[in-house]
Amino acid sequence: MATLYEEFLKLTNIKLGNFTVAYNTTNRKLVYAIFVDTSLFFAGGMEEYRFGEGSIALANALGVPSNPRHGGVQEGLFYVFFLGSGNGKPRTIAEITAKAPNYLNNGVEYLK
């Protein structure tokens, strides 16, 4: 699962349920996922949006420290979102891994 700023969503037209691919440039792991929520973080009386947060399962699949309090990385990850690919509903891992690669392959063909 990946989360984004609400303002960024408005600018890019990324919708809940859109397929995404996450890539770790350090270890070259590529993982398919879906976009599931935005991230508003409250700490010390302040609120802020966090960009590029993902689930513990996504972190594990990417080979990133997955501890919710002390895990994550500051660089080396990027995400590609496939606009219009979502249905706004949860999907199983089997469905994500079966359907998301089609969007990536179509994009690669488009770029050639």
PDB file of N, CA and C in Angstrom:
ATOM      1  N   MET A   1       0.838  -1.172   0.000  1.00  0.00           N
ATOM      2  CA  MET A   1       0.000   0.000   0.000  1.00  0.00           C
ATOM      3  C   MET A   1       0.882   1.235   0.000  1.00  0.00           C
ATOM      4  N   ALA A   2       0.480   2.242  -0.723  1.00  0.00           N
ATOM      5  CA  ALA A   2       1.223   3.490  -0.784  1.00  0.00           C
ATOM      6  C   ALA A   2       0.294   4.644  -0.444  1.00  0.00           C
ATOM      7  N   THR A   3       0.791   5.678   0.211  1.00  0.00           N
ATOM      8  CA  THR A   3      -0.018   6.831   0.581  1.00  0.00           C
ATOM      9  C   THR A   3       0.592   8.106   0.026  1.00  0.00           C
ATOM     10  N   LEU A   4      -0.233   9.115  -0.215  1.00  0.00           N
ATOM     11  CA  LEU A   4       0.219  10.365  -0.814  1.00  0.00           C
ATOM     12  C   LEU A   4      -0.499  11.560  -0.205  1.00  0.00           C
ATOM     13  N   TYR A   5       0.080  12.733  -0.389  1.00  0.00           N
ATOM     14  CA  TYR A   5      -0.568  13.972   0.015  1.00  0.00           C
ATOM     15  C   TYR A   5      -1.882  14.147  -0.737  1.00  0.00           C
ATOM     16  N   GLU A   6      -2.898  14.662  -0.061  1.00  0.00           N
ATOM     17  CA  GLU A   6      -4.168  14.912  -0.731  1.00  0.00           C
ATOM     18  C   GLU A   6      -4.017  15.960  -1.834  1.00  0.00           C
ATOM     19  N   GLU A   7      -3.216  16.991  -1.598  1.00  0.00           N
ATOM     20  CA  GLU A   7      -3.009  18.028  -2.609  1.00  0.00           C
ATOM     21  C   GLU A   7      -2.347  17.441  -3.856  1.00  0.00           C
ATOM     22  N   PHE A   8      -1.407  16.561  -3.653  1.00  0.00           N
ATOM     23  CA  PHE A   8      -0.725  15.918  -4.766  1.00  0.00           C
ATOM     24  C   PHE A   8      -1.715  15.089  -5.574  1.00  0.00           C
ATOM     25  N   LEU A   9      -2.642  14.454  -4.874  1.00  0.00           N
ATOM     26  CA  LEU A   9      -3.658  13.641  -5.552  1.00  0.00           C
ATOM     27  C   LEU A   9      -4.513  14.491  -6.468  1.00  0.00           C
ATOM     28  N   LYS A  10      -4.875  15.670  -5.996  1.00  0.00           N
ATOM     29  CA  LYS A  10      -5.694  16.559  -6.819  1.00  0.00           C
ATOM     30  C   LYS A  10      -4.945  16.988  -8.078  1.00  0.00           C
ATOM     31  N   LEU A  11      -3.672  17.250  -7.945  1.00  0.00           N
ATOM     32  CA  LEU A  11      -2.873  17.693  -9.096  1.00  0.00           C
ATOM     33  C   LEU A  11      -2.625  16.582 -10.103  1.00  0.00           C
ATOM     34  N   THR A  12      -2.501  15.358  -9.626  1.00  0.00           N
ATOM     35  CA  THR A  12      -2.109  14.253 -10.504  1.00  0.00           C
ATOM     36  C   THR A  12      -3.272  13.367 -10.931  1.00  0.00           C
ATOM     37  N   ASN A  13      -4.423  13.509 -10.277  1.00  0.00           N
ATOM     38  CA  ASN A  13      -5.598  12.687 -10.568  1.00  0.00           C
ATOM     39  C   ASN A  13      -5.406  11.217 -10.189  1.00  0.00           C
ATOM     40  N   ILE A  14      -4.514  10.939  -9.235  1.00  0.00           N
ATOM     41  CA  ILE A  14      -4.372   9.586  -8.707  1.00  0.00           C
ATOM     42  C   ILE A  14      -5.575   9.297  -7.813  1.00  0.00           C
ATOM     43  N   LYS A  15      -6.177   8.139  -8.010  1.00  0.00           N
ATOM     44  CA  LYS A  15      -7.381   7.758  -7.274  1.00  0.00           C
ATOM     45  C   LYS A  15      -7.133   6.511  -6.428  1.00  0.00           C
ATOM     46  N   LEU A  16      -7.937   6.368  -5.378  1.00  0.00           N
ATOM     47  CA  LEU A  16      -7.861   5.172  -4.544  1.00  0.00           C
ATOM     48  C   LEU A  16      -8.064   3.934  -5.412  1.00  0.00           C
ATOM     49  N   GLY A  17      -7.256   2.933  -5.161  1.00  0.00           N
ATOM     50  CA  GLY A  17      -7.357   1.682  -5.893  1.00  0.00           C
ATOM     51  C   GLY A  17      -6.497   1.608  -7.138  1.00  0.00           C
ATOM     52  N   ASN A  18      -5.874   2.745  -7.553  1.00  0.00           N
ATOM     53  CA  ASN A  18      -4.996   2.696  -8.728  1.00  0.00           C
ATOM     54  C   ASN A  18      -3.835   1.745  -8.477  1.00  0.00           C
ATOM     55  N   PHE A  19      -3.513   0.960  -9.504  1.00  0.00           N
ATOM     56  CA  PHE A  19      -2.335   0.113  -9.412  1.00  0.00           C
ATOM     57  C   PHE A  19      -1.092   0.980  -9.415  1.00  0.00           C
ATOM     58  N   THR A  20      -0.054   0.482  -8.748  1.00  0.00           N
ATOM     59  CA  THR A  20       1.232   1.162  -8.709  1.00  0.00           C
ATOM     60  C   THR A  20       2.340   0.125  -8.726  1.00  0.00           C
ATOM     61  N   VAL A  21       3.501   0.577  -9.124  1.00  0.00           N
ATOM     62  CA  VAL A  21       4.687  -0.253  -8.991  1.00  0.00           C
ATOM     63  C   VAL A  21       5.665   0.535  -8.129  1.00  0.00           C
ATOM     64  N   ALA A  22       6.250  -0.137  -7.152  1.00  0.00           N
ATOM     65  CA  ALA A  22       7.259   0.480  -6.287  1.00  0.00           C
ATOM     66  C   ALA A  22       8.597  -0.171  -6.604  1.00  0.00           C
ATOM     67  N   TYR A  23       9.636   0.658  -6.669  1.00  0.00           N
ATOM     68  CA  TYR A  23      10.954   0.143  -7.036  1.00  0.00           C
ATOM     69  C   TYR A  23      11.994   0.653  -6.056  1.00  0.00           C
ATOM     70  N   ASN A  24      12.812  -0.275  -5.556  1.00  0.00           N
ATOM     71  CA  ASN A  24      13.911   0.059  -4.650  1.00  0.00           C
ATOM     72  C   ASN A  24      15.191   0.123  -5.496  1.00  0.00           C
ATOM     73  N   THR A  25      15.740   1.311  -5.641  1.00  0.00           N
ATOM     74  CA  THR A  25      16.929   1.480  -6.487  1.00  0.00           C
ATOM     75  C   THR A  25      18.184   0.892  -5.857  1.00  0.00           C
ATOM     76  N   THR A  26      18.160   0.662  -4.559  1.00  0.00           N
ATOM     77  CA  THR A  26      19.326   0.116  -3.875  1.00  0.00           C
ATOM     78  C   THR A  26      19.505  -1.377  -4.148  1.00  0.00           C
ATOM     79  N   ASN A  27      18.408  -2.123  -4.042  1.00  0.00           N
ATOM     80  CA  ASN A  27      18.506  -3.582  -4.221  1.00  0.00           C
ATOM     81  C   ASN A  27      17.783  -4.072  -5.485  1.00  0.00           C
ATOM     82  N   ARG A  28      17.222  -3.156  -6.226  1.00  0.00           N
ATOM     83  CA  ARG A  28      16.528  -3.426  -7.504  1.00  0.00           C
ATOM     84  C   ARG A  28      15.295  -4.314  -7.366  1.00  0.00           C
ATOM     85  N   LYS A  29      14.658  -4.250  -6.200  1.00  0.00           N
ATOM     86  CA  LYS A  29      13.408  -4.995  -6.015  1.00  0.00           C
ATOM     87  C   LYS A  29      12.247  -4.164  -6.551  1.00  0.00           C
ATOM     88  N   LEU A  30      11.367  -4.812  -7.286  1.00  0.00           N
ATOM     89  CA  LEU A  30      10.191  -4.182  -7.873  1.00  0.00           C
ATOM     90  C   LEU A  30       8.963  -4.898  -7.328  1.00  0.00           C
ATOM     91  N   VAL A  31       7.989  -4.134  -6.836  1.00  0.00           N
ATOM     92  CA  VAL A  31       6.813  -4.706  -6.191  1.00  0.00           C
ATOM     93  C   VAL A  31       5.568  -3.996  -6.722  1.00  0.00           C
ATOM     94  N   TYR A  32       4.532  -4.770  -7.001  1.00  0.00           N
ATOM     95  CA  TYR A  32       3.244  -4.210  -7.412  1.00  0.00           C
ATOM     96  C   TYR A  32       2.380  -3.996  -6.186  1.00  0.00           C
ATOM     97  N   ALA A  33       1.580  -2.922  -6.221  1.00  0.00           N
ATOM     98  CA  ALA A  33       0.716  -2.589  -5.090  1.00  0.00           C
ATOM     99  C   ALA A  33      -0.472  -1.800  -5.615  1.00  0.00           C
ATOM    100  N   ILE A  34      -1.339  -1.368  -4.699  1.00  0.00           N
ATOM    101  CA  ILE A  34      -2.397  -0.436  -5.048  1.00  0.00           C
ATOM    102  C   ILE A  34      -2.339   0.738  -4.082  1.00  0.00           C
ATOM    103  N   PHE A  35      -2.836   1.876  -4.536  1.00  0.00           N
ATOM    104  CA  PHE A  35      -2.898   3.073  -3.700  1.00  0.00           C
ATOM    105  C   PHE A  35      -4.144   2.974  -2.828  1.00  0.00           C
ATOM    106  N   VAL A  36      -3.948   3.072  -1.497  1.00  0.00           N
ATOM    107  CA  VAL A  36      -5.066   2.827  -0.592  1.00  0.00           C
ATOM    108  C   VAL A  36      -5.462   3.979   0.321  1.00  0.00           C
ATOM    109  N   ASP A  37      -4.586   4.930   0.614  1.00  0.00           N
ATOM    110  CA  ASP A  37      -5.006   6.034   1.470  1.00  0.00           C
ATOM    111  C   ASP A  37      -3.998   7.170   1.443  1.00  0.00           C
ATOM    112  N   THR A  38      -4.420   8.266   2.073  1.00  0.00           N
ATOM    113  CA  THR A  38      -3.519   9.399   2.254  1.00  0.00           C
ATOM    114  C   THR A  38      -2.973   9.331   3.662  1.00  0.00           C
ATOM    115  N   SER A  39      -1.953  10.097   3.933  1.00  0.00           N
ATOM    116  CA  SER A  39      -1.286   9.994   5.215  1.00  0.00           C
ATOM    117  C   SER A  39      -1.218  11.347   5.900  1.00  0.00           C
ATOM    118  N   LEU A  40      -2.022  11.532   6.922  1.00  0.00           N
ATOM    119  CA  LEU A  40      -1.937  12.727   7.747  1.00  0.00           C
ATOM    120  C   LEU A  40      -1.346  12.289   9.079  1.00  0.00           C
ATOM    121  N   PHE A  41      -0.204  12.859   9.431  1.00  0.00           N
ATOM    122  CA  PHE A  41       0.567  12.447  10.599  1.00  0.00           C
ATOM    123  C   PHE A  41       0.452  13.525  11.677  1.00  0.00           C
ATOM    124  N   PHE A  42       0.158  13.129  12.897  1.00  0.00           N
ATOM    125  CA  PHE A  42       0.073  14.056  14.025  1.00  0.00           C
ATOM    126  C   PHE A  42       1.215  13.771  14.995  1.00  0.00           C
ATOM    127  N   ALA A  43       1.993  14.801  15.297  1.00  0.00           N
ATOM    128  CA  ALA A  43       3.082  14.624  16.268  1.00  0.00           C
ATOM    129  C   ALA A  43       3.379  15.958  16.933  1.00  0.00           C
ATOM    130  N   GLY A  44       3.494  15.942  18.213  1.00  0.00           N
ATOM    131  CA  GLY A  44       3.853  17.155  18.940  1.00  0.00           C
ATOM    132  C   GLY A  44       2.903  18.315  18.714  1.00  0.00           C
ATOM    133  N   GLY A  45       1.616  18.027  18.546  1.00  0.00           N
ATOM    134  CA  GLY A  45       0.633  19.071  18.328  1.00  0.00           C
ATOM    135  C   GLY A  45       0.605  19.607  16.904  1.00  0.00           C
ATOM    136  N   MET A  46       1.420  19.047  16.030  1.00  0.00           N
ATOM    137  CA  MET A  46       1.455  19.504  14.639  1.00  0.00           C
ATOM    138  C   MET A  46       0.929  18.400  13.738  1.00  0.00           C
ATOM    139  N   GLU A  47       0.370  18.801  12.615  1.00  0.00           N
ATOM    140  CA  GLU A  47      -0.038  17.802  11.641  1.00  0.00           C
ATOM    141  C   GLU A  47       0.703  18.065  10.332  1.00  0.00           C
ATOM    142  N   GLU A  48       1.036  17.004   9.664  1.00  0.00           N
ATOM    143  CA  GLU A  48       1.744  17.127   8.393  1.00  0.00           C
ATOM    144  C   GLU A  48       1.407  15.913   7.542  1.00  0.00           C
ATOM    145  N   TYR A  49       1.475  16.127   6.249  1.00  0.00           N
ATOM    146  CA  TYR A  49       1.298  15.005   5.343  1.00  0.00           C
ATOM    147  C   TYR A  49       2.649  14.355   5.111  1.00  0.00           C
ATOM    148  N   ARG A  50       2.642  13.060   5.026  1.00  0.00           N
ATOM    149  CA  ARG A  50       3.863  12.307   4.745  1.00  0.00           C
ATOM    150  C   ARG A  50       3.749  11.745   3.338  1.00  0.00           C
ATOM    151  N   PHE A  51       4.770  11.907   2.568  1.00  0.00           N
ATOM    152  CA  PHE A  51       4.762  11.456   1.188  1.00  0.00           C
ATOM    153  C   PHE A  51       5.447  10.108   1.051  1.00  0.00           C
ATOM    154  N   GLY A  52       4.842   9.188   0.321  1.00  0.00           N
ATOM    155  CA  GLY A  52       5.484   7.932  -0.019  1.00  0.00           C
ATOM    156  C   GLY A  52       5.508   6.890   1.070  1.00  0.00           C
ATOM    157  N   GLU A  53       4.594   6.994   2.028  1.00  0.00           N
ATOM    158  CA  GLU A  53       4.537   5.944   3.040  1.00  0.00           C
ATOM    159  C   GLU A  53       3.919   4.701   2.442  1.00  0.00           C
ATOM    160  N   GLY A  54       4.300   3.565   2.957  1.00  0.00           N
ATOM    161  CA  GLY A  54       3.731   2.305   2.491  1.00  0.00           C
ATOM    162  C   GLY A  54       3.469   1.388   3.662  1.00  0.00           C
ATOM    163  N   SER A  55       2.840   0.288   3.390  1.00  0.00           N
ATOM    164  CA  SER A  55       2.520  -0.683   4.430  1.00  0.00           C
ATOM    165  C   SER A  55       3.769  -1.444   4.869  1.00  0.00           C
ATOM    166  N   ILE A  56       3.647  -2.122   5.975  1.00  0.00           N
ATOM    167  CA  ILE A  56       4.729  -2.984   6.454  1.00  0.00           C
ATOM    168  C   ILE A  56       5.004  -4.078   5.422  1.00  0.00           C
ATOM    169  N   ALA A  57       3.947  -4.622   4.839  1.00  0.00           N
ATOM    170  CA  ALA A  57       4.117  -5.664   3.818  1.00  0.00           C
ATOM    171  C   ALA A  57       4.878  -5.137   2.606  1.00  0.00           C
ATOM    172  N   LEU A  58       4.582  -3.909   2.182  1.00  0.00           N
ATOM    173  CA  LEU A  58       5.298  -3.320   1.045  1.00  0.00           C
ATOM    174  C   LEU A  58       6.767  -3.107   1.396  1.00  0.00           C
ATOM    175  N   ALA A  59       7.023  -2.602   2.589  1.00  0.00           N
ATOM    176  CA  ALA A  59       8.411  -2.398   3.021  1.00  0.00           C
ATOM    177  C   ALA A  59       9.171  -3.716   3.025  1.00  0.00           C
ATOM    178  N   ASN A  60       8.569  -4.752   3.574  1.00  0.00           N
ATOM    179  CA  ASN A  60       9.217  -6.069   3.597  1.00  0.00           C
ATOM    180  C   ASN A  60       9.499  -6.566   2.182  1.00  0.00           C
ATOM    181  N   ALA A  61       8.527  -6.419   1.291  1.00  0.00           N
ATOM    182  CA  ALA A  61       8.702  -6.886  -0.081  1.00  0.00           C
ATOM    183  C   ALA A  61       9.797  -6.115  -0.807  1.00  0.00           C
ATOM    184  N   LEU A  62       9.962  -4.837  -0.460  1.00  0.00           N
ATOM    185  CA  LEU A  62      11.006  -4.004  -1.080  1.00  0.00           C
ATOM    186  C   LEU A  62      12.358  -4.147  -0.388  1.00  0.00           C
ATOM    187  N   GLY A  63      12.405  -4.874   0.725  1.00  0.00           N
ATOM    188  CA  GLY A  63      13.659  -5.021   1.451  1.00  0.00           C
ATOM    189  C   GLY A  63      14.041  -3.783   2.236  1.00  0.00           C
ATOM    190  N   VAL A  64      13.025  -3.063   2.709  1.00  0.00           N
ATOM    191  CA  VAL A  64      13.216  -1.831   3.477  1.00  0.00           C
ATOM    192  C   VAL A  64      12.884  -2.128   4.936  1.00  0.00           C
ATOM    193  N   PRO A  65      13.605  -1.542   5.913  1.00  0.00           N
ATOM    194  CA  PRO A  65      13.239  -1.748   7.314  1.00  0.00           C
ATOM    195  C   PRO A  65      11.759  -1.400   7.526  1.00  0.00           C
ATOM    196  N   SER A  66      11.002  -2.316   8.110  1.00  0.00           N
ATOM    197  CA  SER A  66       9.546  -2.162   8.162  1.00  0.00           C
ATOM    198  C   SER A  66       8.985  -1.793   9.528  1.00  0.00           C
ATOM    199  N   ASN A  67       9.833  -1.496  10.502  1.00  0.00           N
ATOM    200  CA  ASN A  67       9.345  -1.093  11.813  1.00  0.00           C
ATOM    201  C   ASN A  67       8.550   0.211  11.667  1.00  0.00           C
ATOM    202  N   PRO A  68       7.275   0.241  12.103  1.00  0.00           N
ATOM    203  CA  PRO A  68       6.458   1.436  11.919  1.00  0.00           C
ATOM    204  C   PRO A  68       7.009   2.692  12.601  1.00  0.00           C
ATOM    205  N   ARG A  69       7.778   2.521  13.650  1.00  0.00           N
ATOM    206  CA  ARG A  69       8.314   3.686  14.362  1.00  0.00           C
ATOM    207  C   ARG A  69       9.687   4.110  13.865  1.00  0.00           C
ATOM    208  N   HIS A  70      10.501   3.149  13.453  1.00  0.00           N
ATOM    209  CA  HIS A  70      11.893   3.478  13.128  1.00  0.00           C
ATOM    210  C   HIS A  70      12.346   2.950  11.771  1.00  0.00           C
ATOM    211  N   GLY A  71      11.418   2.414  11.007  1.00  0.00           N
ATOM    212  CA  GLY A  71      11.784   1.836   9.717  1.00  0.00           C
ATOM    213  C   GLY A  71      11.742   2.856   8.596  1.00  0.00           C
ATOM    214  N   GLY A  72      11.748   2.344   7.384  1.00  0.00           N
ATOM    215  CA  GLY A  72      11.690   3.204   6.209  1.00  0.00           C
ATOM    216  C   GLY A  72      13.058   3.663   5.762  1.00  0.00           C
ATOM    217  N   VAL A  73      13.068   4.367   4.667  1.00  0.00           N
ATOM    218  CA  VAL A  73      14.284   4.950   4.115  1.00  0.00           C
ATOM    219  C   VAL A  73      13.964   6.362   3.634  1.00  0.00           C
ATOM    220  N   GLN A  74      14.978   7.185   3.536  1.00  0.00           N
ATOM    221  CA  GLN A  74      14.801   8.568   3.105  1.00  0.00           C
ATOM    222  C   GLN A  74      14.946   8.730   1.601  1.00  0.00           C
ATOM    223  N   GLU A  75      15.553   7.756   0.942  1.00  0.00           N
ATOM    224  CA  GLU A  75      15.765   7.860  -0.503  1.00  0.00           C
ATOM    225  C   GLU A  75      15.883   6.457  -1.093  1.00  0.00           C
ATOM    226  N   GLY A  76      15.869   6.395  -2.406  1.00  0.00           N
ATOM    227  CA  GLY A  76      16.083   5.123  -3.076  1.00  0.00           C
ATOM    228  C   GLY A  76      14.830   4.378  -3.485  1.00  0.00           C
ATOM    229  N   LEU A  77      13.650   4.949  -3.234  1.00  0.00           N
ATOM    230  CA  LEU A  77      12.405   4.323  -3.669  1.00  0.00           C
ATOM    231  C   LEU A  77      11.700   5.250  -4.635  1.00  0.00           C
ATOM    232  N   PHE A  78      11.076   4.669  -5.644  1.00  0.00           N
ATOM    233  CA  PHE A  78      10.161   5.476  -6.444  1.00  0.00           C
ATOM    234  C   PHE A  78       8.948   4.656  -6.807  1.00  0.00           C
ATOM    235  N   TYR A  79       7.884   5.387  -7.096  1.00  0.00           N
ATOM    236  CA  TYR A  79       6.599   4.778  -7.391  1.00  0.00           C
ATOM    237  C   TYR A  79       6.110   5.274  -8.742  1.00  0.00           C
ATOM    238  N   VAL A  80       5.452   4.395  -9.484  1.00  0.00           N
ATOM    239  CA  VAL A  80       4.755   4.773 -10.712  1.00  0.00           C
ATOM    240  C   VAL A  80       3.299   4.376 -10.507  1.00  0.00           C
ATOM    241  N   PHE A  81       2.398   5.347 -10.672  1.00  0.00           N
ATOM    242  CA  PHE A  81       0.973   5.099 -10.515  1.00  0.00           C
ATOM    243  C   PHE A  81       0.327   5.044 -11.892  1.00  0.00           C
ATOM    244  N   PHE A  82      -0.574   4.099 -12.073  1.00  0.00           N
ATOM    245  CA  PHE A  82      -1.246   3.922 -13.352  1.00  0.00           C
ATOM    246  C   PHE A  82      -2.646   4.505 -13.243  1.00  0.00           C
ATOM    247  N   LEU A  83      -2.803   5.725 -13.772  1.00  0.00           N
ATOM    248  CA  LEU A  83      -4.065   6.449 -13.665  1.00  0.00           C
ATOM    249  C   LEU A  83      -5.183   5.685 -14.361  1.00  0.00           C
ATOM    250  N   GLY A  84      -6.348   5.684 -13.722  1.00  0.00           N
ATOM    251  CA  GLY A  84      -7.511   5.024 -14.292  1.00  0.00           C
ATOM    252  C   GLY A  84      -7.517   3.518 -14.129  1.00  0.00           C
ATOM    253  N   SER A  85      -6.541   2.971 -13.430  1.00  0.00           N
ATOM    254  CA  SER A  85      -6.448   1.518 -13.291  1.00  0.00           C
ATOM    255  C   SER A  85      -7.220   0.970 -12.100  1.00  0.00           C
ATOM    256  N   GLY A  86      -7.651   1.836 -11.226  1.00  0.00           N
ATOM    257  CA  GLY A  86      -8.287   1.362  -9.999  1.00  0.00           C
ATOM    258  C   GLY A  86      -9.793   1.289 -10.089  1.00  0.00           C
ATOM    259  N   ASN A  87     -10.362   0.550  -9.168  1.00  0.00           N
ATOM    260  CA  ASN A  87     -11.812   0.456  -9.076  1.00  0.00           C
ATOM    261  C   ASN A  87     -12.324   1.031  -7.759  1.00  0.00           C
ATOM    262  N   GLY A  88     -11.433   1.647  -6.973  1.00  0.00           N
ATOM    263  CA  GLY A  88     -11.824   2.253  -5.707  1.00  0.00           C
ATOM    264  C   GLY A  88     -12.102   1.259  -4.605  1.00  0.00           C
ATOM    265  N   LYS A  89     -11.776  -0.012  -4.840  1.00  0.00           N
ATOM    266  CA  LYS A  89     -12.065  -1.055  -3.862  1.00  0.00           C
ATOM    267  C   LYS A  89     -10.794  -1.833  -3.533  1.00  0.00           C
ATOM    268  N   PRO A  90     -10.806  -2.505  -2.383  1.00  0.00           N
ATOM    269  CA  PRO A  90      -9.656  -3.353  -2.048  1.00  0.00           C
ATOM    270  C   PRO A  90      -9.487  -4.474  -3.078  1.00  0.00           C
ATOM    271  N   ARG A  91      -8.260  -4.959  -3.205  1.00  0.00           N
ATOM    272  CA  ARG A  91      -7.966  -6.077  -4.102  1.00  0.00           C
ATOM    273  C   ARG A  91      -7.085  -7.067  -3.350  1.00  0.00           C
ATOM    274  N   THR A  92      -7.149  -8.301  -3.759  1.00  0.00           N
ATOM    275  CA  THR A  92      -6.293  -9.314  -3.148  1.00  0.00           C
ATOM    276  C   THR A  92      -4.883  -9.195  -3.727  1.00  0.00           C
ATOM    277  N   ILE A  93      -3.916  -9.747  -3.005  1.00  0.00           N
ATOM    278  CA  ILE A  93      -2.541  -9.752  -3.515  1.00  0.00           C
ATOM    279  C   ILE A  93      -2.480 -10.507  -4.833  1.00  0.00           C
ATOM    280  N   ALA A  94      -3.223 -11.586  -4.936  1.00  0.00           N
ATOM    281  CA  ALA A  94      -3.237 -12.361  -6.186  1.00  0.00           C
ATOM    282  C   ALA A  94      -3.743 -11.511  -7.349  1.00  0.00           C
ATOM    283  N   GLU A  95      -4.782 -10.716  -7.110  1.00  0.00           N
ATOM    284  CA  GLU A  95      -5.323  -9.855  -8.164  1.00  0.00           C
ATOM    285  C   GLU A  95      -4.332  -8.760  -8.538  1.00  0.00           C
ATOM    286  N   ILE A  96      -3.685  -8.185  -7.538  1.00  0.00           N
ATOM    287  CA  ILE A  96      -2.693  -7.126  -7.798  1.00  0.00           C
ATOM    288  C   ILE A  96      -1.543  -7.676  -8.632  1.00  0.00           C
ATOM    289  N   THR A  97      -1.006  -8.807  -8.222  1.00  0.00           N
ATOM    290  CA  THR A  97       0.156  -9.358  -8.934  1.00  0.00           C
ATOM    291  C   THR A  97      -0.221  -9.892 -10.319  1.00  0.00           C
ATOM    292  N   ALA A  98      -1.492 -10.220 -10.534  1.00  0.00           N
ATOM    293  CA  ALA A  98      -1.921 -10.692 -11.852  1.00  0.00           C
ATOM    294  C   ALA A  98      -2.203  -9.535 -12.811  1.00  0.00           C
ATOM    295  N   LYS A  99      -2.784  -8.436 -12.315  1.00  0.00           N
ATOM    296  CA  LYS A  99      -3.231  -7.354 -13.195  1.00  0.00           C
ATOM    297  C   LYS A  99      -2.253  -6.188 -13.326  1.00  0.00           C
ATOM    298  N   ALA A 100      -1.563  -5.832 -12.253  1.00  0.00           N
ATOM    299  CA  ALA A 100      -0.684  -4.655 -12.281  1.00  0.00           C
ATOM    300  C   ALA A 100       0.439  -4.750 -13.314  1.00  0.00           C
ATOM    301  N   PRO A 101       1.064  -5.911 -13.503  1.00  0.00           N
ATOM    302  CA  PRO A 101       2.142  -5.975 -14.499  1.00  0.00           C
ATOM    303  C   PRO A 101       1.689  -5.609 -15.911  1.00  0.00           C
ATOM    304  N   ASN A 102       0.420  -5.827 -16.225  1.00  0.00           N
ATOM    305  CA  ASN A 102      -0.084  -5.455 -17.544  1.00  0.00           C
ATOM    306  C   ASN A 102       0.037  -3.953 -17.774  1.00  0.00           C
ATOM    307  N   TYR A 103      -0.202  -3.167 -16.743  1.00  0.00           N
ATOM    308  CA  TYR A 103      -0.092  -1.714 -16.870  1.00  0.00           C
ATOM    309  C   TYR A 103       1.358  -1.302 -17.065  1.00  0.00           C
ATOM    310  N   LEU A 104       2.262  -1.938 -16.350  1.00  0.00           N
ATOM    311  CA  LEU A 104       3.685  -1.626 -16.508  1.00  0.00           C
ATOM    312  C   LEU A 104       4.156  -2.022 -17.901  1.00  0.00           C
ATOM    313  N   ASN A 105       3.796  -3.194 -18.355  1.00  0.00           N
ATOM    314  CA  ASN A 105       4.206  -3.639 -19.685  1.00  0.00           C
ATOM    315  C   ASN A 105       3.642  -2.744 -20.773  1.00  0.00           C
ATOM    316  N   ASN A 106       2.391  -2.304 -20.632  1.00  0.00           N
ATOM    317  CA  ASN A 106       1.817  -1.396 -21.616  1.00  0.00           C
ATOM    318  C   ASN A 106       2.560  -0.072 -21.623  1.00  0.00           C
ATOM    319  N   GLY A 107       2.967   0.393 -20.454  1.00  0.00           N
ATOM    320  CA  GLY A 107       3.710   1.645 -20.369  1.00  0.00           C
ATOM    321  C   GLY A 107       5.078   1.535 -21.002  1.00  0.00           C
ATOM    322  N   VAL A 108       5.738   0.414 -20.805  1.00  0.00           N
ATOM    323  CA  VAL A 108       7.052   0.197 -21.398  1.00  0.00           C
ATOM    324  C   VAL A 108       6.920   0.185 -22.922  1.00  0.00           C
ATOM    325  N   GLU A 109       5.903  -0.477 -23.444  1.00  0.00           N
ATOM    326  CA  GLU A 109       5.690  -0.501 -24.894  1.00  0.00           C
ATOM    327  C   GLU A 109       5.406   0.907 -25.406  1.00  0.00           C
ATOM    328  N   TYR A 110       4.647   1.673 -24.651  1.00  0.00           N
ATOM    329  CA  TYR A 110       4.312   3.036 -25.046  1.00  0.00           C
ATOM    330  C   TYR A 110       5.560   3.913 -25.140  1.00  0.00           C
ATOM    331  N   LEU A 111       6.514   3.690 -24.252  1.00  0.00           N
ATOM    332  CA  LEU A 111       7.711   4.521 -24.220  1.00  0.00           C
ATOM    333  C   LEU A 111       8.706   4.202 -25.331  1.00  0.00           C
ATOM    334  N   LYS A 112       8.591   3.033 -25.954  1.00  0.00           N
ATOM    335  CA  LYS A 112       9.553   2.638 -26.994  1.00  0.00           C
ATOM    336  C   LYS A 112       9.429   3.495 -28.242  1.00  0.00           C
TER     337      LYS A 112
END
